[in-house]
C-alpha atoms as a PDB file:
ATOM      1  CA  MET A   1     106.377 110.951  80.947  1.00  0.00           C
ATOM      2  CA  TYR A   2     103.423 112.255  81.849  1.00  0.00           C
ATOM      3  CA  LEU A   3     102.183 109.152  83.747  1.00  0.00           C
ATOM      4  CA  VAL A   4     105.179 108.316  85.482  1.00  0.00           C
ATOM      5  CA  GLU A   5     104.396 110.884  87.032  1.00  0.00           C
ATOM      6  CA  VAL A   6     100.692 110.620  88.082  1.00  0.00           C
ATOM      7  CA  ASP A   7     101.516 107.289  89.114  1.00  0.00           C
ATOM      8  CA  GLN A   8     104.288 108.877  91.432  1.00  0.00           C
ATOM      9  CA  GLU A   9     101.634 110.638  93.034  1.00  0.00           C
ATOM     10  CA  SER A  10      99.068 107.794  93.191  1.00  0.00           C
ATOM     11  CA  ALA A  11     101.550 105.709  94.845  1.00  0.00           C
ATOM     12  CA  GLN A  12     102.287 108.418  97.401  1.00  0.00           C
ATOM     13  CA  ASN A  13      98.471 109.525  98.202  1.00  0.00           C
ATOM     14  CA  ASN A  14      97.894 105.218  98.575  1.00  0.00           C
ATOM     15  CA  ASP A  15     100.541 105.660 101.219  1.00  0.00           C
ATOM     16  CA  LEU A  16      99.481 108.741 102.950  1.00  0.00           C
ATOM     17  CA  LYS A  17      96.187 106.843 103.198  1.00  0.00           C
ATOM     18  CA  GLU A  18      97.781 103.999 105.086  1.00  0.00           C
ATOM     19  CA  ILE A  19      99.429 105.902 106.814  1.00  0.00           C
ATOM     20  CA  ALA A  20      96.631 108.314 107.953  1.00  0.00           C
ATOM     21  CA  ALA A  21      94.355 105.295 109.007  1.00  0.00           C
ATOM     22  CA  ASP A  22      96.826 103.763 111.282  1.00  0.00           C
ATOM     23  CA  THR A  23      97.311 106.759 112.266  1.00  0.00           C
ATOM     24  CA  PHE A  24      93.608 107.444 113.477  1.00  0.00           C
ATOM     25  CA  LYS A  25      92.905 103.794 114.671  1.00  0.00           C
ATOM     26  CA  GLY A  26      90.696 103.845 117.096  1.00  0.00           C
ATOM     27  CA  ARG A  27      90.386 107.731 117.163  1.00  0.00           C
ATOM     28  CA  ALA A  28      87.928 110.348 115.820  1.00  0.00           C
ATOM     29  CA  LEU A  29      90.063 113.669 116.185  1.00  0.00           C
ATOM     30  CA  ILE A  30      94.228 114.048 116.688  1.00  0.00           C
ATOM     31  CA  SER A  31      96.255 117.490 117.882  1.00  0.00           C
ATOM     32  CA  SER A  32      98.507 119.339 115.018  1.00  0.00           C
ATOM     33  CA  LYS A  33     101.052 118.918 117.567  1.00  0.00           C
ATOM     34  CA  GLU A  34     100.270 115.303 118.523  1.00  0.00           C
ATOM     35  CA  LEU A  35     100.117 114.196 114.579  1.00  0.00           C
ATOM     36  CA  ARG A  36     103.112 115.841 113.912  1.00  0.00           C
ATOM     37  CA  GLN A  37     104.645 113.974 116.528  1.00  0.00           C
ATOM     38  CA  ILE A  38     103.945 110.705 115.416  1.00  0.00           C
ATOM     39  CA  HIS A  39     105.080 111.312 112.367  1.00  0.00           C
ATOM     40  CA  GLN A  40     108.408 112.397 113.751  1.00  0.00           C
ATOM     41  CA  ASP A  41     108.595 109.216 115.903  1.00  0.00           C
ATOM     42  CA  THR A  42     107.755 106.913 112.805  1.00  0.00           C
ATOM     43  CA  PHE A  43     109.805 108.003 110.156  1.00  0.00           C
ATOM     44  CA  GLY A  44     112.692 109.329 112.343  1.00  0.00           C
ATOM     45  CA  VAL A  45     112.144 113.069 110.841  1.00  0.00           C
ATOM     46  CA  GLN A  46     112.360 116.238 111.928  1.00  0.00           C
ATOM     47  CA  ASP A  47     109.046 118.783 112.680  1.00  0.00           C
ATOM     48  CA  ARG A  48     109.596 120.504 109.389  1.00  0.00           C
ATOM     49  CA  THR A  49     109.513 117.461 107.330  1.00  0.00           C
ATOM     50  CA  ALA A  50     106.321 115.668 109.512  1.00  0.00           C
ATOM     51  CA  ARG A  51     104.256 119.072 108.549  1.00  0.00           C
ATOM     52  CA  SER A  52     105.009 118.621 105.103  1.00  0.00           C
ATOM     53  CA  TYR A  53     103.638 115.211 105.957  1.00  0.00           C
ATOM     54  CA  VAL A  54     100.037 117.032 107.347  1.00  0.00           C
ATOM     55  CA  LYS A  55     100.054 119.575 104.281  1.00  0.00           C
ATOM     56  CA  MET A  56     100.360 116.526 101.538  1.00  0.00           C
ATOM     57  CA  MET A  57      97.626 114.591 104.050  1.00  0.00           C
ATOM     58  CA  LEU A  58      95.750 118.036 103.846  1.00  0.00           C
ATOM     59  CA  ASP A  59      95.972 118.710 100.108  1.00  0.00           C
ATOM     60  CA  ALA A  60      95.455 114.919  99.044  1.00  0.00           C
ATOM     61  CA  LYS A  61      92.178 115.216 101.584  1.00  0.00           C
ATOM     62  CA  ILE A  62      92.555 112.014 103.409  1.00  0.00           C
ATOM     63  CA  ILE A  63      92.711 114.982 106.825  1.00  0.00           C
ATOM     64  CA  GLU A  64      91.070 118.102 107.737  1.00  0.00           C
ATOM     65  CA  LYS A  65      90.667 120.633 110.040  1.00  0.00           C
ATOM     66  CA  SER A  66      87.665 119.643 112.908  1.00  0.00           C
ATOM     67  CA  ASN A  67      85.435 122.719 112.676  1.00  0.00           C
ATOM     68  CA  GLN A  68      84.706 122.024 116.225  1.00  0.00           C
ATOM     69  CA  PHE A  69      88.411 121.853 117.513  1.00  0.00           C
ATOM     70  CA  PRO A  70      90.052 123.963 114.723  1.00  0.00           C
ATOM     71  CA  SER A  71      93.832 122.363 116.107  1.00  0.00           C
ATOM     72  CA  ASP A  72      92.530 119.017 115.537  1.00  0.00           C
ATOM     73  CA  PHE A  73      92.547 116.583 112.286  1.00  0.00           C
ATOM     74  CA  ARG A  74      90.096 114.153 111.900  1.00  0.00           C
ATOM     75  CA  LEU A  75      90.140 111.281 109.181  1.00  0.00           C
ATOM     76  CA  ILE A  76      88.162 112.269 105.967  1.00  0.00           C
ATOM     77  CA  LEU A  77      88.550 108.054 104.850  1.00  0.00           C
ATOM     78  CA  PRO A  78      85.479 105.627 105.236  1.00  0.00           C
END
């Protein structure tokens, strides 16, 4: 059972990485508000769910808050 959970988490992280790569394509920084709006528009979710996606990306170390602009995020992936 544990392997199934790990596989699902890995698949979810891969999906989040793809979403982040597409979202940040050609951009160094995206504001928190804009990132949530992109998720809302793309997936048809409410703000609360969009915030969850951002948190999952932060927790998975796919994105991080900008040191220079605290309300902005940057992509960590290569």
